[in-house]
Amino acid sequence: MGTFDGWLGVALIAAATLSGADLGRRSPRASAIPLAASCGALIAVVVADLGPDVAGDVRDTGVGWPAVLLVGALGFVASGVLMKRGCPCEPGLAGGIGTAAALGVHRALEGSALAVAASAPLVLALVVHAASEGFALTALLGAEERRRRAAALWLTVACLAPAFGMVVVGSLGLPDKAHPLLTAAVAGVLARTALSAYRIAAERGQALLTRSATAVSAGVLATALALLTHLG
């Protein structure tokens, strides 16, 4: 049913989503920096946190690298398909139940990462990205009454879906050999999320500023991860 750290992560993600939505309502033009920062944070988590976890699990369980890489690629591709329909960071966000469902699955996949490895850097990366998604929702939908109702629905889905994803994955009771595969799938999902965040940030802001924000956030989080690993 999820650990304390996992539930704390879910609560922080929901709070960040709502805070980002409020900021998007007040200042709808400033989304490039949080998107770029979330990209850098997610890249750091994939490379410096989930990557070593996968390598360690492969070594301990004997699961082959081809299977792990294939599952990671499938997670990347599947996340990209969902984002085309359900990620607020993507252009052309449509209305309706289909979009809400796609957004829910997209956020549930992110929440499933909390059941796999609810580390502080992962939670931080997801919190930053959740804030940028909440920002993008209200910035895209604007103040029109019908769209405001859609935004309320999507914000509710965005806040609740991570908890659903964490609970479902945490309740599966998967064997040890499934751990590197599941972690690889989560890494693929987060890598695709980072790519989307960077691409949209580059379209909305100055390229140099976007690259700088991405590099700084990735460097800071990667350094923190290295220090935590060394101290641990």
C-alpha atoms as a PDB file:
ATOM      1  CA  MET A   1       0.000   0.000   0.000  1.00  0.00           C
ATOM      2  CA  GLY A   2       3.012   2.303  -0.115  1.00  0.00           C
ATOM      3  CA  THR A   3       5.599   3.420   2.423  1.00  0.00           C
ATOM      4  CA  PHE A   4       5.544   6.578   4.507  1.00  0.00           C
ATOM      5  CA  ASP A   5       8.107   8.098   2.134  1.00  0.00           C
ATOM      6  CA  GLY A   6       5.908   7.149  -0.809  1.00  0.00           C
ATOM      7  CA  TRP A   7       2.802   8.757   0.664  1.00  0.00           C
ATOM      8  CA  LEU A   8       4.797  11.836   1.606  1.00  0.00           C
ATOM      9  CA  GLY A   9       5.945  11.997  -2.003  1.00  0.00           C
ATOM     10  CA  VAL A  10       2.345  11.726  -3.234  1.00  0.00           C
ATOM     11  CA  ALA A  11       1.284  14.572  -0.937  1.00  0.00           C
ATOM     12  CA  LEU A  12       4.175  16.764  -2.074  1.00  0.00           C
ATOM     13  CA  ILE A  13       3.425  16.026  -5.734  1.00  0.00           C
ATOM     14  CA  ALA A  14      -0.234  17.007  -5.257  1.00  0.00           C
ATOM     15  CA  ALA A  15       0.745  20.201  -3.434  1.00  0.00           C
ATOM     16  CA  ALA A  16       3.257  21.072  -6.155  1.00  0.00           C
ATOM     17  CA  THR A  17       0.660  20.455  -8.879  1.00  0.00           C
ATOM     18  CA  LEU A  18      -1.816  22.823  -7.226  1.00  0.00           C
ATOM     19  CA  SER A  19       0.868  25.428  -6.515  1.00  0.00           C
ATOM     20  CA  GLY A  20       2.026  25.296 -10.119  1.00  0.00           C
ATOM     21  CA  ALA A  21      -1.572  25.632 -11.297  1.00  0.00           C
ATOM     22  CA  ASP A  22      -2.052  28.721  -9.156  1.00  0.00           C
ATOM     23  CA  LEU A  23       1.162  30.245 -10.510  1.00  0.00           C
ATOM     24  CA  GLY A  24       0.066  29.415 -14.061  1.00  0.00           C
ATOM     25  CA  ARG A  25      -3.213  31.233 -13.471  1.00  0.00           C
ATOM     26  CA  ARG A  26      -1.369  34.320 -12.234  1.00  0.00           C
ATOM     27  CA  SER A  27       1.619  34.338 -14.615  1.00  0.00           C
ATOM     28  CA  PRO A  28       0.849  32.218 -17.688  1.00  0.00           C
ATOM     29  CA  ARG A  29       4.031  33.197 -19.596  1.00  0.00           C
ATOM     30  CA  ALA A  30       6.774  31.904 -17.291  1.00  0.00           C
ATOM     31  CA  SER A  31       6.700  28.152 -17.791  1.00  0.00           C
ATOM     32  CA  ALA A  32      10.043  27.571 -19.576  1.00  0.00           C
ATOM     33  CA  ILE A  33      12.246  27.642 -16.471  1.00  0.00           C
ATOM     34  CA  PRO A  34      10.277  25.144 -14.316  1.00  0.00           C
ATOM     35  CA  LEU A  35      10.006  22.805 -17.301  1.00  0.00           C
ATOM     36  CA  ALA A  36      13.750  22.984 -17.929  1.00  0.00           C
ATOM     37  CA  ALA A  37      14.491  22.500 -14.238  1.00  0.00           C
ATOM     38  CA  SER A  38      12.233  19.451 -14.098  1.00  0.00           C
ATOM     39  CA  CYS A  39      14.018  18.035 -17.151  1.00  0.00           C
ATOM     40  CA  GLY A  40      17.409  18.345 -15.487  1.00  0.00           C
ATOM     41  CA  ALA A  41      16.158  16.838 -12.233  1.00  0.00           C
ATOM     42  CA  LEU A  42      14.561  13.875 -13.995  1.00  0.00           C
ATOM     43  CA  ILE A  43      17.704  13.195 -16.046  1.00  0.00           C
ATOM     44  CA  ALA A  44      19.802  13.230 -12.883  1.00  0.00           C
ATOM     45  CA  VAL A  45      17.460  10.769 -11.174  1.00  0.00           C
ATOM     46  CA  VAL A  46      17.455   8.391 -14.154  1.00  0.00           C
ATOM     47  CA  VAL A  47      21.240   8.431 -14.581  1.00  0.00           C
ATOM     48  CA  ALA A  48      22.474   8.707 -10.996  1.00  0.00           C
ATOM     49  CA  ASP A  49      19.692   7.025  -8.992  1.00  0.00           C
ATOM     50  CA  LEU A  50      17.630   4.560 -11.015  1.00  0.00           C
ATOM     51  CA  GLY A  51      20.518   3.520 -13.284  1.00  0.00           C
ATOM     52  CA  PRO A  52      22.693   2.209 -10.438  1.00  0.00           C
ATOM     53  CA  ASP A  53      19.622   0.545  -8.894  1.00  0.00           C
ATOM     54  CA  VAL A  54      18.977  -1.330 -12.135  1.00  0.00           C
ATOM     55  CA  ALA A  55      22.631  -2.365 -12.417  1.00  0.00           C
ATOM     56  CA  GLY A  56      22.647  -3.651  -8.852  1.00  0.00           C
ATOM     57  CA  ASP A  57      19.388  -5.571  -9.322  1.00  0.00           C
ATOM     58  CA  VAL A  58      20.683  -7.126 -12.552  1.00  0.00           C
ATOM     59  CA  ARG A  59      23.809  -8.256 -10.760  1.00  0.00           C
ATOM     60  CA  ASP A  60      21.820  -9.694  -7.836  1.00  0.00           C
ATOM     61  CA  THR A  61      19.024 -11.393  -9.788  1.00  0.00           C
ATOM     62  CA  GLY A  62      20.809 -12.495 -12.953  1.00  0.00           C
ATOM     63  CA  VAL A  63      18.245 -10.904 -15.277  1.00  0.00           C
ATOM     64  CA  GLY A  64      19.800 -10.259 -18.689  1.00  0.00           C
ATOM     65  CA  TRP A  65      20.602  -6.744 -19.854  1.00  0.00           C
ATOM     66  CA  PRO A  66      18.803  -7.206 -23.208  1.00  0.00           C
ATOM     67  CA  ALA A  67      15.506  -7.771 -21.381  1.00  0.00           C
ATOM     68  CA  VAL A  68      16.133  -4.804 -19.087  1.00  0.00           C
ATOM     69  CA  LEU A  69      16.974  -2.475 -21.978  1.00  0.00           C
ATOM     70  CA  LEU A  70      13.953  -3.673 -23.960  1.00  0.00           C
ATOM     71  CA  VAL A  71      11.589  -2.978 -21.056  1.00  0.00           C
ATOM     72  CA  GLY A  72      13.173   0.442 -20.540  1.00  0.00           C
ATOM     73  CA  ALA A  73      12.654   1.248 -24.217  1.00  0.00           C
ATOM     74  CA  LEU A  74       9.041   0.084 -24.013  1.00  0.00           C
ATOM     75  CA  GLY A  75       8.491   2.365 -21.022  1.00  0.00           C
ATOM     76  CA  PHE A  76       9.980   5.253 -22.995  1.00  0.00           C
ATOM     77  CA  VAL A  77       7.792   4.624 -26.051  1.00  0.00           C
ATOM     78  CA  ALA A  78       4.590   3.969 -24.096  1.00  0.00           C
ATOM     79  CA  SER A  79       5.085   7.146 -22.091  1.00  0.00           C
ATOM     80  CA  GLY A  80       5.573   9.117 -25.304  1.00  0.00           C
ATOM     81  CA  VAL A  81       2.297   7.786 -26.707  1.00  0.00           C
ATOM     82  CA  LEU A  82       0.433   8.766 -23.540  1.00  0.00           C
ATOM     83  CA  MET A  83       2.036  12.198 -23.452  1.00  0.00           C
ATOM     84  CA  LYS A  84       0.760  13.018 -26.913  1.00  0.00           C
ATOM     85  CA  ARG A  85      -2.708  12.902 -25.413  1.00  0.00           C
ATOM     86  CA  GLY A  86      -2.401  13.396 -21.696  1.00  0.00           C
ATOM     87  CA  CYS A  87       0.626  15.478 -20.712  1.00  0.00           C
ATOM     88  CA  PRO A  88      -0.115  19.185 -20.149  1.00  0.00           C
ATOM     89  CA  CYS A  89       3.438  19.952 -21.288  1.00  0.00           C
ATOM     90  CA  GLU A  90       2.599  18.788 -24.802  1.00  0.00           C
ATOM     91  CA  PRO A  91       1.010  21.202 -27.283  1.00  0.00           C
ATOM     92  CA  GLY A  92      -2.489  20.690 -28.595  1.00  0.00           C
ATOM     93  CA  LEU A  93      -4.062  19.550 -25.327  1.00  0.00           C
ATOM     94  CA  ALA A  94      -7.580  18.424 -26.122  1.00  0.00           C
ATOM     95  CA  GLY A  95     -10.653  18.227 -23.958  1.00  0.00           C
ATOM     96  CA  GLY A  96     -12.826  15.374 -22.851  1.00  0.00           C
ATOM     97  CA  ILE A  97     -12.725  12.167 -20.888  1.00  0.00           C
ATOM     98  CA  GLY A  98     -10.084  10.631 -23.170  1.00  0.00           C
ATOM     99  CA  THR A  99      -7.584  13.341 -22.306  1.00  0.00           C
ATOM    100  CA  ALA A 100      -8.371  13.078 -18.601  1.00  0.00           C
ATOM    101  CA  ALA A 101      -7.858   9.302 -18.786  1.00  0.00           C
ATOM    102  CA  ALA A 102      -4.542   9.677 -20.623  1.00  0.00           C
ATOM    103  CA  LEU A 103      -3.404  12.285 -18.103  1.00  0.00           C
ATOM    104  CA  GLY A 104      -4.390   9.913 -15.298  1.00  0.00           C
ATOM    105  CA  VAL A 105      -2.368   7.030 -16.738  1.00  0.00           C
ATOM    106  CA  HIS A 106       0.591   9.332 -17.386  1.00  0.00           C
ATOM    107  CA  ARG A 107       0.597  10.573 -13.781  1.00  0.00           C
ATOM    108  CA  ALA A 108      -0.041   7.061 -12.417  1.00  0.00           C
ATOM    109  CA  LEU A 109       3.104   5.872 -14.199  1.00  0.00           C
ATOM    110  CA  GLU A 110       5.043   8.655 -12.524  1.00  0.00           C
ATOM    111  CA  GLY A 111       3.505   7.687  -9.180  1.00  0.00           C
ATOM    112  CA  SER A 112       4.508   4.067  -9.709  1.00  0.00           C
ATOM    113  CA  ALA A 113       8.110   5.230  -9.423  1.00  0.00           C
ATOM    114  CA  LEU A 114       7.419   5.934  -5.750  1.00  0.00           C
ATOM    115  CA  ALA A 115       6.664   2.259  -5.191  1.00  0.00           C
ATOM    116  CA  VAL A 116       9.927   1.293  -6.888  1.00  0.00           C
ATOM    117  CA  ALA A 117      12.331   3.761  -5.267  1.00  0.00           C
ATOM    118  CA  ALA A 118      10.865   6.547  -3.133  1.00  0.00           C
ATOM    119  CA  SER A 119      14.207   8.308  -2.707  1.00  0.00           C
ATOM    120  CA  ALA A 120      14.456  11.985  -1.817  1.00  0.00           C
ATOM    121  CA  PRO A 121      15.997  12.939  -5.205  1.00  0.00           C
ATOM    122  CA  LEU A 122      13.238  11.085  -7.079  1.00  0.00           C
ATOM    123  CA  VAL A 123      10.533  12.793  -5.031  1.00  0.00           C
ATOM    124  CA  LEU A 124      12.191  16.164  -5.623  1.00  0.00           C
ATOM    125  CA  ALA A 125      12.346  15.586  -9.380  1.00  0.00           C
ATOM    126  CA  LEU A 126       8.696  14.518  -9.514  1.00  0.00           C
ATOM    127  CA  VAL A 127       7.670  17.497  -7.372  1.00  0.00           C
ATOM    128  CA  VAL A 128       9.410  19.950  -9.707  1.00  0.00           C
ATOM    129  CA  HIS A 129       7.851  18.282 -12.734  1.00  0.00           C
ATOM    130  CA  ALA A 130       4.398  18.201 -11.101  1.00  0.00           C
ATOM    131  CA  ALA A 131       4.613  21.940 -10.496  1.00  0.00           C
ATOM    132  CA  SER A 132       5.453  22.526 -14.159  1.00  0.00           C
ATOM    133  CA  GLU A 133       2.543  20.311 -15.268  1.00  0.00           C
ATOM    134  CA  GLY A 134       0.108  22.132 -12.986  1.00  0.00           C
ATOM    135  CA  PHE A 135       1.451  25.408 -14.356  1.00  0.00           C
ATOM    136  CA  ALA A 136       1.002  24.211 -17.933  1.00  0.00           C
ATOM    137  CA  LEU A 137      -2.576  23.075 -17.337  1.00  0.00           C
ATOM    138  CA  THR A 138      -3.909  26.444 -16.235  1.00  0.00           C
ATOM    139  CA  ALA A 139      -1.670  28.407 -18.612  1.00  0.00           C
ATOM    140  CA  LEU A 140      -2.967  26.396 -21.578  1.00  0.00           C
ATOM    141  CA  LEU A 141      -6.620  26.365 -20.609  1.00  0.00           C
ATOM    142  CA  GLY A 142      -6.925  30.014 -19.666  1.00  0.00           C
ATOM    143  CA  ALA A 143      -9.921  31.616 -18.006  1.00  0.00           C
ATOM    144  CA  GLU A 144     -12.805  30.485 -20.212  1.00  0.00           C
ATOM    145  CA  GLU A 145     -15.512  28.956 -17.972  1.00  0.00           C
ATOM    146  CA  ARG A 146     -15.779  25.644 -19.840  1.00  0.00           C
ATOM    147  CA  ARG A 147     -12.021  25.235 -19.876  1.00  0.00           C
ATOM    148  CA  ARG A 148     -11.783  26.161 -16.209  1.00  0.00           C
ATOM    149  CA  ARG A 149     -14.107  23.264 -15.421  1.00  0.00           C
ATOM    150  CA  ALA A 150     -11.898  20.976 -17.520  1.00  0.00           C
ATOM    151  CA  ALA A 151      -8.836  22.252 -15.655  1.00  0.00           C
ATOM    152  CA  ALA A 152     -10.498  21.426 -12.328  1.00  0.00           C
ATOM    153  CA  LEU A 153     -11.158  17.862 -13.524  1.00  0.00           C
ATOM    154  CA  TRP A 154      -7.624  17.417 -14.843  1.00  0.00           C
ATOM    155  CA  LEU A 155      -6.041  18.865 -11.699  1.00  0.00           C
ATOM    156  CA  THR A 156      -8.046  16.397  -9.607  1.00  0.00           C
ATOM    157  CA  VAL A 157      -6.873  13.526 -11.802  1.00  0.00           C
ATOM    158  CA  ALA A 158      -3.283  14.802 -11.726  1.00  0.00           C
ATOM    159  CA  CYS A 159      -3.297  14.928  -7.920  1.00  0.00           C
ATOM    160  CA  LEU A 160      -4.927  11.522  -7.305  1.00  0.00           C
ATOM    161  CA  ALA A 161      -3.389   9.384 -10.069  1.00  0.00           C
ATOM    162  CA  PRO A 162       0.146   9.192  -8.577  1.00  0.00           C
ATOM    163  CA  ALA A 163      -1.311   7.641  -5.412  1.00  0.00           C
ATOM    164  CA  PHE A 164      -3.201   5.107  -7.518  1.00  0.00           C
ATOM    165  CA  GLY A 165      -0.065   4.169  -9.453  1.00  0.00           C
ATOM    166  CA  MET A 166       1.979   3.782  -6.288  1.00  0.00           C
ATOM    167  CA  VAL A 167      -0.645   1.625  -4.550  1.00  0.00           C
ATOM    168  CA  VAL A 168      -1.191  -0.647  -7.565  1.00  0.00           C
ATOM    169  CA  VAL A 169       2.499  -1.292  -8.168  1.00  0.00           C
ATOM    170  CA  GLY A 170       3.219  -1.622  -4.449  1.00  0.00           C
ATOM    171  CA  SER A 171       0.437  -4.207  -4.060  1.00  0.00           C
ATOM    172  CA  LEU A 172       1.592  -6.518  -6.845  1.00  0.00           C
ATOM    173  CA  GLY A 173       4.098  -8.437  -4.734  1.00  0.00           C
ATOM    174  CA  LEU A 174       6.442  -8.928  -7.665  1.00  0.00           C
ATOM    175  CA  PRO A 175       9.299 -11.468  -7.477  1.00  0.00           C
ATOM    176  CA  ASP A 176      12.874 -10.249  -7.117  1.00  0.00           C
ATOM    177  CA  LYS A 177      13.617 -10.859 -10.801  1.00  0.00           C
ATOM    178  CA  ALA A 178      10.920  -8.355 -11.747  1.00  0.00           C
ATOM    179  CA  HIS A 179      12.568  -5.499  -9.838  1.00  0.00           C
ATOM    180  CA  PRO A 180      15.202  -4.541 -12.454  1.00  0.00           C
ATOM    181  CA  LEU A 181      12.566  -4.743 -15.192  1.00  0.00           C
ATOM    182  CA  LEU A 182      10.130  -2.527 -13.295  1.00  0.00           C
ATOM    183  CA  THR A 183      12.840  -0.029 -12.408  1.00  0.00           C
ATOM    184  CA  ALA A 184      13.964   0.052 -16.044  1.00  0.00           C
ATOM    185  CA  ALA A 185      10.382   0.724 -17.159  1.00  0.00           C
ATOM    186  CA  VAL A 186      10.099   3.593 -14.670  1.00  0.00           C
ATOM    187  CA  ALA A 187      13.443   4.975 -15.872  1.00  0.00           C
ATOM    188  CA  GLY A 188      12.142   4.877 -19.451  1.00  0.00           C
ATOM    189  CA  VAL A 189       8.989   6.738 -18.441  1.00  0.00           C
ATOM    190  CA  LEU A 190      10.948   9.427 -16.602  1.00  0.00           C
ATOM    191  CA  ALA A 191      13.464   9.776 -19.447  1.00  0.00           C
ATOM    192  CA  ARG A 192      10.636  10.398 -21.924  1.00  0.00           C
ATOM    193  CA  THR A 193       9.072  12.880 -19.514  1.00  0.00           C
ATOM    194  CA  ALA A 194      12.389  14.729 -19.290  1.00  0.00           C
ATOM    195  CA  LEU A 195      12.711  14.841 -23.084  1.00  0.00           C
ATOM    196  CA  SER A 196       9.223  16.272 -23.457  1.00  0.00           C
ATOM    197  CA  ALA A 197       9.819  18.861 -20.740  1.00  0.00           C
ATOM    198  CA  TYR A 198      13.049  20.027 -22.379  1.00  0.00           C
ATOM    199  CA  ARG A 199      11.542  20.235 -25.856  1.00  0.00           C
ATOM    200  CA  ILE A 200       8.576  22.302 -24.710  1.00  0.00           C
ATOM    201  CA  ALA A 201      10.779  24.512 -22.527  1.00  0.00           C
ATOM    202  CA  ALA A 202      13.028  25.210 -25.519  1.00  0.00           C
ATOM    203  CA  GLU A 203       9.989  26.213 -27.570  1.00  0.00           C
ATOM    204  CA  ARG A 204       8.670  28.556 -24.877  1.00  0.00           C
ATOM    205  CA  GLY A 205      11.892  30.201 -23.723  1.00  0.00           C
ATOM    206  CA  GLN A 206      15.335  31.248 -24.873  1.00  0.00           C
ATOM    207  CA  ALA A 207      17.446  28.246 -25.857  1.00  0.00           C
ATOM    208  CA  LEU A 208      20.489  29.306 -23.811  1.00  0.00           C
ATOM    209  CA  LEU A 209      18.373  29.943 -20.721  1.00  0.00           C
ATOM    210  CA  THR A 210      16.656  26.580 -21.130  1.00  0.00           C
ATOM    211  CA  ARG A 211      19.944  24.708 -21.498  1.00  0.00           C
ATOM    212  CA  SER A 212      21.402  26.542 -18.512  1.00  0.00           C
ATOM    213  CA  ALA A 213      18.434  25.763 -16.260  1.00  0.00           C
ATOM    214  CA  THR A 214      18.491  22.118 -17.325  1.00  0.00           C
ATOM    215  CA  ALA A 215      22.233  21.775 -16.753  1.00  0.00           C
ATOM    216  CA  VAL A 216      22.151  23.514 -13.370  1.00  0.00           C
ATOM    217  CA  SER A 217      19.264  21.436 -12.005  1.00  0.00           C
ATOM    218  CA  ALA A 218      20.798  18.204 -13.325  1.00  0.00           C
ATOM    219  CA  GLY A 219      24.204  19.080 -11.897  1.00  0.00           C
ATOM    220  CA  VAL A 220      22.870  20.041  -8.480  1.00  0.00           C
ATOM    221  CA  LEU A 221      20.769  16.905  -8.112  1.00  0.00           C
ATOM    222  CA  ALA A 222      23.470  14.608  -9.505  1.00  0.00           C
ATOM    223  CA  THR A 223      25.964  16.087  -7.029  1.00  0.00           C
ATOM    224  CA  ALA A 224      23.502  15.588  -4.184  1.00  0.00           C
ATOM    225  CA  LEU A 225      22.990  11.979  -5.252  1.00  0.00           C
ATOM    226  CA  ALA A 226      26.740  11.369  -5.384  1.00  0.00           C
ATOM    227  CA  LEU A 227      27.183  12.831  -1.905  1.00  0.00           C
ATOM    228  CA  LEU A 228      24.323  10.767  -0.503  1.00  0.00           C
ATOM    229  CA  THR A 229      25.790   7.616  -2.046  1.00  0.00           C
ATOM    230  CA  HIS A 230      29.248   8.394  -0.655  1.00  0.00           C
ATOM    231  CA  LEU A 231      27.929   9.196   2.820  1.00  0.00           C
ATOM    232  CA  GLY A 232      25.685   6.109   2.772  1.00  0.00           C
END
